[in-house]
Amino acid sequence: MNGLDIHYLESGYESPNRPLIVLLHGFPELSFSWRFVMKPLADQGFHVVAPDQRGFGKTTGWDNTYTEDLSTYHHINLVRDILGFVNALGYESVECLIGHDSGAGVAGWSSLIRPDVYKSVIMKSAPFGGVQPLPFDTKKSSAKVDFTDSIYDDLAELDRPRKHYQQYYRTLQANKDLMQSDIGLRTFIRSYYYHKSADWPKNNPYPLESWSATELSKMPTYYIMDLDEDMAETVAKVTPSQEYIQACTWLSEEDIAVYEAEYQRTGFQGGLNWYRASASEGNRTKLELFSGMNIIIPSLFISGKQDWGSFQRPGTLEKMQKICTKMKPIEFIDGAGHWVQQEQPEKVVTSILNFIKSNS
């Protein structure tokens, strides 16, 4: 199926002819990241499936190298992965496609490109910004789109030199940094999840005024890193206490062990290739075909109230609400940071069910 052997988790498969819900994880996550919401949704009459996407977990057939050919990680191919997955399950339509973090991008593009397959879409924690408009009236002006952005240079020139986390994740050394850090893989995963959750008390996000170095530097270092540090060094500064770890119900030591085992086996390069591919000229060129198109199916955006992800690219939240012509009011869930369906699963399930019911 598009070169992959897709591993997935499912619930509600015992009864035939149930409406399908597809759950798409982000980075550094797995199908396992939906563990708290799958059965509650299935208990309401749905067949719920969560695949390990290309580059992650037990799904096989993807390029695990720092490859120069990023075409298999282009957005259109990620959309094709999920469409093939749905077809392989024997479904012609999906009741609701739900994506979190980078999975929200796949959900957004899938629903924009194939509204005949996906009846509704929920994007979580990462607003969908669509594609940059094609050059217009090029008889009088240049047809070339300028993708240059000085933000990385501007961040490096701040009094406290910084860098964007996506800039770092696109580097050759990023995977090795995460896999061979001084704090170890398990502590890195724990600290990264904690740092971006509502449990870290300094996560109090707000809209930024502009896409500028000064404004971006107001975000925590897991988004705007210190220039001379890698991500493992960044999150090591906020490693939670043993008391916190033992008391954390949404991410137990058993849960961490699942993430640790999978990433120890696969590394992070597959997921990191998503960041590299999304910014590539080849990816942008393919997406130009869909310039000016909107998401015309019912849509919803859910985010944790303590999640900076909604505001990390100023203006995208507002842009998404124009691209999605049938968007419900945005829902910010209190008590959740970036990992909203893990931190507050009951509230997320309620939001999903209310949304689907409103579309029936």
Protein backbone atom coordinates (compact mmCIF):
# COMPACT_ATOMS: atom_id res chain seq x y z
CA MET A 1 0.00 0.00 0.00
CA ASN A 2 1.95 2.96 -1.34
CA GLY A 3 5.11 1.07 -0.39
CA LEU A 4 4.14 0.61 3.26
CA ASP A 5 3.06 -2.20 5.52
CA ILE A 6 0.98 -0.15 7.93
CA HIS A 7 0.71 -1.09 11.58
CA TYR A 8 -2.38 0.25 13.31
CA LEU A 9 -4.41 0.04 16.51
CA GLU A 10 -8.18 -0.32 16.36
CA SER A 11 -11.25 -0.46 18.55
CA GLY A 12 -14.85 -1.25 17.70
CA TYR A 13 -13.93 -3.67 14.92
CA GLU A 14 -16.05 -6.48 16.38
CA SER A 15 -19.29 -5.09 14.90
CA PRO A 16 -19.59 -4.65 11.10
CA ASN A 17 -20.74 -1.58 9.18
CA ARG A 18 -19.70 0.95 11.78
CA PRO A 19 -18.76 4.51 10.68
CA LEU A 20 -14.98 4.89 10.55
CA ILE A 21 -12.89 7.36 12.56
CA VAL A 22 -9.21 7.67 11.59
CA LEU A 23 -6.70 9.12 14.07
CA LEU A 24 -3.37 10.54 12.85
CA HIS A 25 -0.56 11.14 15.36
CA GLY A 26 2.20 13.74 15.27
CA PHE A 27 5.85 13.98 16.39
CA PRO A 28 7.35 12.37 18.42
CA GLU A 29 4.28 10.21 18.82
CA LEU A 30 2.80 6.88 17.70
CA SER A 31 -0.60 5.29 17.14
CA PHE A 32 -0.27 4.58 20.89
CA SER A 33 -0.77 8.30 21.54
CA TRP A 34 -4.53 7.79 20.96
CA ARG A 35 -4.82 5.04 23.58
CA PHE A 36 -7.15 6.99 25.89
CA VAL A 37 -9.74 8.02 23.29
CA MET A 38 -10.10 4.94 21.08
CA LYS A 39 -12.34 2.75 23.24
CA PRO A 40 -14.60 5.61 24.43
CA LEU A 41 -15.23 6.52 20.78
CA ALA A 42 -15.78 2.87 19.84
CA ASP A 43 -18.25 2.54 22.72
CA GLN A 44 -20.36 5.16 20.93
CA GLY A 45 -20.69 3.01 17.82
CA PHE A 46 -17.60 3.81 15.73
CA HIS A 47 -14.81 1.73 14.24
CA VAL A 48 -11.73 3.64 15.38
CA VAL A 49 -8.30 3.14 13.81
CA ALA A 50 -4.95 4.78 14.50
CA PRO A 51 -2.04 3.97 12.16
CA ASP A 52 1.66 4.44 12.76
CA GLN A 53 2.30 6.92 9.96
CA ARG A 54 5.20 6.82 7.50
CA GLY A 55 8.43 7.19 9.45
CA PHE A 56 7.05 5.94 12.76
CA GLY A 57 6.60 2.88 14.90
CA LYS A 58 5.92 -0.59 13.55
CA THR A 59 4.89 0.57 10.08
CA THR A 60 7.56 -0.54 7.61
CA GLY A 61 8.63 0.32 4.08
CA TRP A 62 9.77 3.91 4.68
CA ASP A 63 13.19 5.47 4.19
CA ASN A 64 14.93 5.74 7.55
CA THR A 65 17.95 7.69 6.27
CA TYR A 66 18.81 11.36 6.02
CA THR A 67 17.83 11.05 2.40
CA GLU A 68 18.23 13.60 -0.37
CA ASP A 69 15.07 12.27 -2.02
CA LEU A 70 12.31 13.49 0.26
CA SER A 71 9.47 12.83 -2.18
CA THR A 72 8.02 9.96 -0.14
CA TYR A 73 7.58 12.40 2.75
CA HIS A 74 5.87 15.09 0.67
CA HIS A 75 2.41 16.02 1.89
CA ILE A 76 0.66 14.56 -1.15
CA ASN A 77 2.28 11.19 -0.56
CA LEU A 78 1.36 11.25 3.13
CA VAL A 79 -2.23 11.91 2.03
CA ARG A 80 -1.96 8.96 -0.35
CA ASP A 81 -0.74 6.75 2.53
CA ILE A 82 -3.92 7.38 4.51
CA LEU A 83 -6.24 7.10 1.51
CA GLY A 84 -4.70 3.72 0.67
CA PHE A 85 -5.01 2.69 4.31
CA VAL A 86 -8.73 3.52 4.33
CA ASN A 87 -9.27 1.61 1.10
CA ALA A 88 -7.36 -1.39 2.45
CA LEU A 89 -9.72 -1.48 5.43
CA GLY A 90 -12.63 -1.77 2.99
CA TYR A 91 -14.13 1.69 3.48
CA GLU A 92 -15.24 4.15 0.82
CA SER A 93 -15.77 7.01 3.28
CA VAL A 94 -14.57 8.18 6.69
CA GLU A 95 -16.96 9.70 9.21
CA CYS A 96 -14.24 11.85 10.77
CA LEU A 97 -10.53 12.26 10.10
CA ILE A 98 -8.66 13.54 13.15
CA GLY A 99 -5.05 14.68 13.14
CA HIS A 100 -2.79 15.96 15.90
CA ASP A 101 0.40 18.04 15.54
CA SER A 102 1.98 17.16 12.18
CA GLY A 103 -0.86 14.68 11.74
CA ALA A 104 -3.18 17.70 11.60
CA GLY A 105 -1.42 18.75 8.42
CA VAL A 106 -2.10 15.36 6.82
CA ALA A 107 -5.72 15.59 7.97
CA GLY A 108 -6.03 19.08 6.53
CA TRP A 109 -4.54 18.21 3.16
CA SER A 110 -6.53 14.98 2.98
CA SER A 111 -9.82 16.75 3.58
CA LEU A 112 -8.96 19.53 1.13
CA ILE A 113 -7.93 17.14 -1.66
CA ARG A 114 -10.53 14.36 -1.11
CA PRO A 115 -13.72 15.82 0.40
CA ASP A 116 -15.57 12.96 -1.32
CA VAL A 117 -13.91 10.49 1.06
CA TYR A 118 -13.73 12.40 4.34
CA LYS A 119 -17.08 13.58 5.74
CA SER A 120 -15.54 15.79 8.44
CA VAL A 121 -12.16 16.72 9.86
CA ILE A 122 -10.72 17.71 13.24
CA MET A 123 -7.28 19.28 13.44
CA LYS A 124 -5.57 19.54 16.79
CA SER A 125 -2.70 21.62 18.17
CA ALA A 126 -1.31 22.71 14.77
CA PRO A 127 -3.41 25.14 12.68
CA PHE A 128 -3.70 24.36 8.97
CA GLY A 129 -2.39 27.19 6.82
CA GLY A 130 -2.95 25.77 3.34
CA VAL A 131 -0.67 26.73 0.47
CA GLN A 132 0.83 30.06 -0.53
CA PRO A 133 -1.18 31.67 -3.38
CA LEU A 134 0.08 31.23 -6.91
CA PRO A 135 1.52 34.31 -8.63
CA PHE A 136 -1.28 36.28 -10.25
CA ASP A 137 -1.30 38.40 -13.41
CA THR A 138 2.26 37.38 -14.27
CA LYS A 139 2.10 39.20 -17.59
CA LYS A 140 2.89 42.30 -15.56
CA SER A 141 4.99 40.80 -12.75
CA SER A 142 7.37 37.97 -11.98
CA ALA A 143 5.92 34.44 -11.87
CA LYS A 144 8.57 33.32 -9.38
CA VAL A 145 7.41 32.83 -5.80
CA ASP A 146 9.94 34.05 -3.24
CA PHE A 147 10.22 31.51 -0.42
CA THR A 148 13.21 33.12 1.25
CA ASP A 149 12.81 33.99 4.90
CA SER A 150 15.41 35.81 6.97
CA ILE A 151 13.92 34.63 10.27
CA TYR A 152 16.69 32.13 10.97
CA ASP A 153 19.39 34.76 10.51
CA ASP A 154 17.38 37.23 12.57
CA LEU A 155 17.01 34.77 15.44
CA ALA A 156 20.74 34.06 15.43
CA GLU A 157 21.48 37.78 15.67
CA LEU A 158 19.40 38.42 18.79
CA ASP A 159 21.25 39.48 21.96
CA ARG A 160 20.45 35.99 23.19
CA PRO A 161 21.15 34.03 19.97
CA ARG A 162 18.34 31.61 19.11
CA LYS A 163 17.21 29.15 16.46
CA HIS A 164 13.87 27.72 15.38
CA TYR A 165 13.20 24.14 16.43
CA GLN A 166 12.18 23.15 12.90
CA GLN A 167 15.46 24.55 11.60
CA TYR A 168 17.25 22.29 14.08
CA TYR A 169 15.11 19.23 13.31
CA ARG A 170 16.14 19.48 9.65
CA THR A 171 19.83 19.09 10.45
CA LEU A 172 21.88 15.95 9.93
CA GLN A 173 22.91 15.69 13.58
CA ALA A 174 19.43 16.02 15.14
CA ASN A 175 18.63 12.30 15.20
CA LYS A 176 21.99 11.43 16.74
CA ASP A 177 21.57 14.19 19.34
CA LEU A 178 18.24 12.76 20.46
CA MET A 179 19.31 9.13 20.39
CA GLN A 180 22.68 9.57 22.13
CA SER A 181 22.10 12.42 24.56
CA ASP A 182 23.70 12.62 27.99
CA ILE A 183 20.30 12.30 29.67
CA GLY A 184 19.39 9.12 27.79
CA LEU A 185 16.45 8.38 25.50
CA ARG A 186 13.92 7.66 28.22
CA THR A 187 14.61 10.89 30.10
CA PHE A 188 14.61 12.87 26.85
CA ILE A 189 11.14 11.60 25.92
CA ARG A 190 9.81 12.22 29.44
CA SER A 191 11.27 15.74 29.59
CA TYR A 192 10.09 16.67 26.09
CA TYR A 193 6.53 15.62 26.84
CA TYR A 194 6.56 17.36 30.21
CA HIS A 195 8.02 20.58 28.81
CA LYS A 196 5.21 20.94 26.24
CA SER A 197 2.40 19.90 28.59
CA ALA A 198 0.14 21.89 30.89
CA ASP A 199 2.08 20.39 33.80
CA TRP A 200 5.02 22.69 33.07
CA PRO A 201 3.84 25.82 34.88
CA LYS A 202 5.36 28.34 32.45
CA ASN A 203 3.19 27.31 29.50
CA ASN A 204 0.93 30.35 29.31
CA PRO A 205 0.58 31.03 25.56
CA TYR A 206 -0.85 34.09 23.86
CA PRO A 207 -1.01 35.36 20.25
CA LEU A 208 2.20 36.87 18.90
CA GLU A 209 2.08 40.10 16.95
CA SER A 210 4.23 39.14 13.98
CA TRP A 211 6.55 36.62 12.34
CA SER A 212 9.67 38.32 13.67
CA ALA A 213 12.63 37.20 15.73
CA THR A 214 11.71 39.45 18.64
CA GLU A 215 8.19 38.08 18.83
CA LEU A 216 9.14 34.44 18.27
CA SER A 217 11.75 34.62 21.01
CA LYS A 218 8.92 35.05 23.52
CA MET A 219 8.04 31.38 23.08
CA PRO A 220 9.60 28.64 25.23
CA THR A 221 12.91 27.12 24.18
CA TYR A 222 11.30 23.92 22.90
CA TYR A 223 10.14 26.10 19.99
CA ILE A 224 12.79 28.82 19.88
CA MET A 225 15.95 27.12 21.09
CA ASP A 226 19.19 28.65 22.29
CA LEU A 227 21.53 28.70 19.31
CA ASP A 228 24.28 26.57 20.85
CA GLU A 229 22.08 23.81 22.33
CA ASP A 230 20.39 20.75 20.90
CA MET A 231 16.88 19.64 21.84
CA ALA A 232 18.00 17.08 24.41
CA GLU A 233 20.08 19.75 26.17
CA THR A 234 17.11 22.12 25.96
CA VAL A 235 14.58 19.88 27.67
CA ALA A 236 17.12 18.48 30.16
CA LYS A 237 16.84 21.78 32.02
CA VAL A 238 13.23 20.99 32.97
CA THR A 239 13.45 17.25 33.65
CA PRO A 240 10.62 16.58 36.12
CA SER A 241 11.10 15.16 39.57
CA GLN A 242 10.60 11.53 40.50
CA GLU A 243 7.59 12.60 42.57
CA TYR A 244 5.99 14.12 39.46
CA ILE A 245 6.81 11.06 37.35
CA GLN A 246 5.21 8.69 39.83
CA ALA A 247 2.09 10.88 40.07
CA CYS A 248 1.65 11.51 36.33
CA THR A 249 -1.48 9.61 35.30
CA TRP A 250 -1.59 10.65 31.62
CA LEU A 251 1.97 9.48 30.92
CA SER A 252 2.93 6.63 33.22
CA GLU A 253 6.27 4.87 33.32
CA GLU A 254 4.64 2.02 31.40
CA ASP A 255 3.54 4.50 28.72
CA ILE A 256 7.02 5.98 28.48
CA ALA A 257 8.42 2.48 28.09
CA VAL A 258 6.33 2.02 24.92
CA TYR A 259 7.70 5.21 23.36
CA GLU A 260 11.22 4.38 24.47
CA ALA A 261 11.13 0.89 22.99
CA GLU A 262 9.78 2.04 19.63
CA TYR A 263 12.16 4.97 19.19
CA GLN A 264 15.10 2.95 20.41
CA ARG A 265 14.34 0.57 17.57
CA THR A 266 13.57 3.08 14.79
CA GLY A 267 15.28 6.32 15.82
CA PHE A 268 13.68 9.68 15.03
CA GLN A 269 14.91 10.22 11.46
CA GLY A 270 11.67 9.12 9.83
CA GLY A 271 9.71 11.71 11.76
CA LEU A 272 12.42 14.33 11.29
CA ASN A 273 12.17 13.82 7.53
CA TRP A 274 8.66 15.28 7.73
CA TYR A 275 10.16 18.62 8.80
CA ARG A 276 12.71 18.46 6.01
CA ALA A 277 10.18 17.51 3.34
CA SER A 278 7.59 20.12 4.32
CA ALA A 279 10.04 22.95 3.62
CA SER A 280 11.42 21.46 0.41
CA GLU A 281 10.86 23.06 -2.97
CA GLY A 282 9.54 19.77 -4.34
CA ASN A 283 6.81 19.63 -1.70
CA ARG A 284 5.81 23.27 -2.19
CA THR A 285 5.71 22.89 -5.96
CA LYS A 286 3.36 19.90 -5.80
CA LEU A 287 1.04 21.71 -3.41
CA GLU A 288 0.73 24.70 -5.76
CA LEU A 289 -1.84 22.66 -7.66
CA PHE A 290 -4.25 23.22 -4.76
CA SER A 291 -3.65 26.95 -4.35
CA GLY A 292 -6.85 28.83 -3.60
CA MET A 293 -8.79 25.71 -2.60
CA ASN A 294 -10.69 25.49 0.67
CA ILE A 295 -11.70 22.74 3.06
CA ILE A 296 -15.42 22.50 2.35
CA ILE A 297 -16.38 19.71 4.77
CA PRO A 298 -17.34 20.38 8.42
CA SER A 299 -14.19 21.08 10.43
CA LEU A 300 -13.07 21.76 13.98
CA PHE A 301 -9.84 22.88 15.61
CA ILE A 302 -9.03 21.69 19.15
CA SER A 303 -6.03 22.74 21.18
CA GLY A 304 -4.86 22.72 24.76
CA LYS A 305 -5.33 26.07 26.46
CA GLN A 306 -1.72 25.78 27.67
CA ASP A 307 -0.39 24.88 24.21
CA TRP A 308 1.87 27.33 22.35
CA GLY A 309 1.33 25.30 19.17
CA SER A 310 -1.75 27.29 18.21
CA PHE A 311 0.24 30.53 18.13
CA GLN A 312 3.70 29.46 17.00
CA ARG A 313 3.16 30.87 13.52
CA PRO A 314 1.33 34.20 13.88
CA GLY A 315 -1.71 34.58 11.66
CA THR A 316 -2.15 30.90 10.78
CA LEU A 317 -5.00 30.36 13.23
CA GLU A 318 -6.94 33.16 11.54
CA LYS A 319 -6.00 31.95 8.06
CA MET A 320 -7.26 28.46 8.86
CA GLN A 321 -10.67 29.81 9.77
CA LYS A 322 -10.96 31.29 6.28
CA ILE A 323 -9.69 28.18 4.49
CA CYS A 324 -12.21 26.00 6.36
CA THR A 325 -15.59 27.18 5.09
CA LYS A 326 -17.61 25.08 7.55
CA MET A 327 -15.49 25.46 10.68
CA LYS A 328 -17.05 25.21 14.12
CA PRO A 329 -15.86 27.57 16.89
CA ILE A 330 -12.31 26.77 18.02
CA GLU A 331 -12.10 24.83 21.28
CA PHE A 332 -9.32 25.47 23.78
CA ILE A 333 -9.27 22.77 26.45
CA ASP A 334 -8.05 23.89 29.86
CA GLY A 335 -5.59 21.68 31.67
CA ALA A 336 -3.93 20.53 28.45
CA GLY A 337 -0.76 21.59 26.73
CA HIS A 338 0.40 20.19 23.40
CA TRP A 339 -0.58 16.57 24.06
CA VAL A 340 -4.27 17.36 24.40
CA GLN A 341 -5.75 13.89 23.72
CA GLN A 342 -3.36 12.37 26.25
CA GLU A 343 -3.61 15.08 28.91
CA GLN A 344 -7.40 15.57 28.78
CA PRO A 345 -8.87 12.59 26.91
CA GLU A 346 -12.36 12.79 28.40
CA LYS A 347 -12.80 16.39 27.25
CA VAL A 348 -11.41 15.54 23.81
CA VAL A 349 -13.82 12.61 23.42
CA THR A 350 -16.73 14.84 24.37
CA SER A 351 -15.66 17.45 21.82
CA ILE A 352 -15.27 14.84 19.07
CA LEU A 353 -18.68 13.27 19.74
CA ASN A 354 -20.45 16.64 19.94
CA PHE A 355 -18.85 17.67 16.65
CA ILE A 356 -19.84 14.50 14.83
CA LYS A 357 -23.37 14.67 16.22
CA SER A 358 -23.71 18.28 15.06
CA ASN A 359 -22.95 17.19 11.50
CA SER A 360 -25.54 14.41 11.37
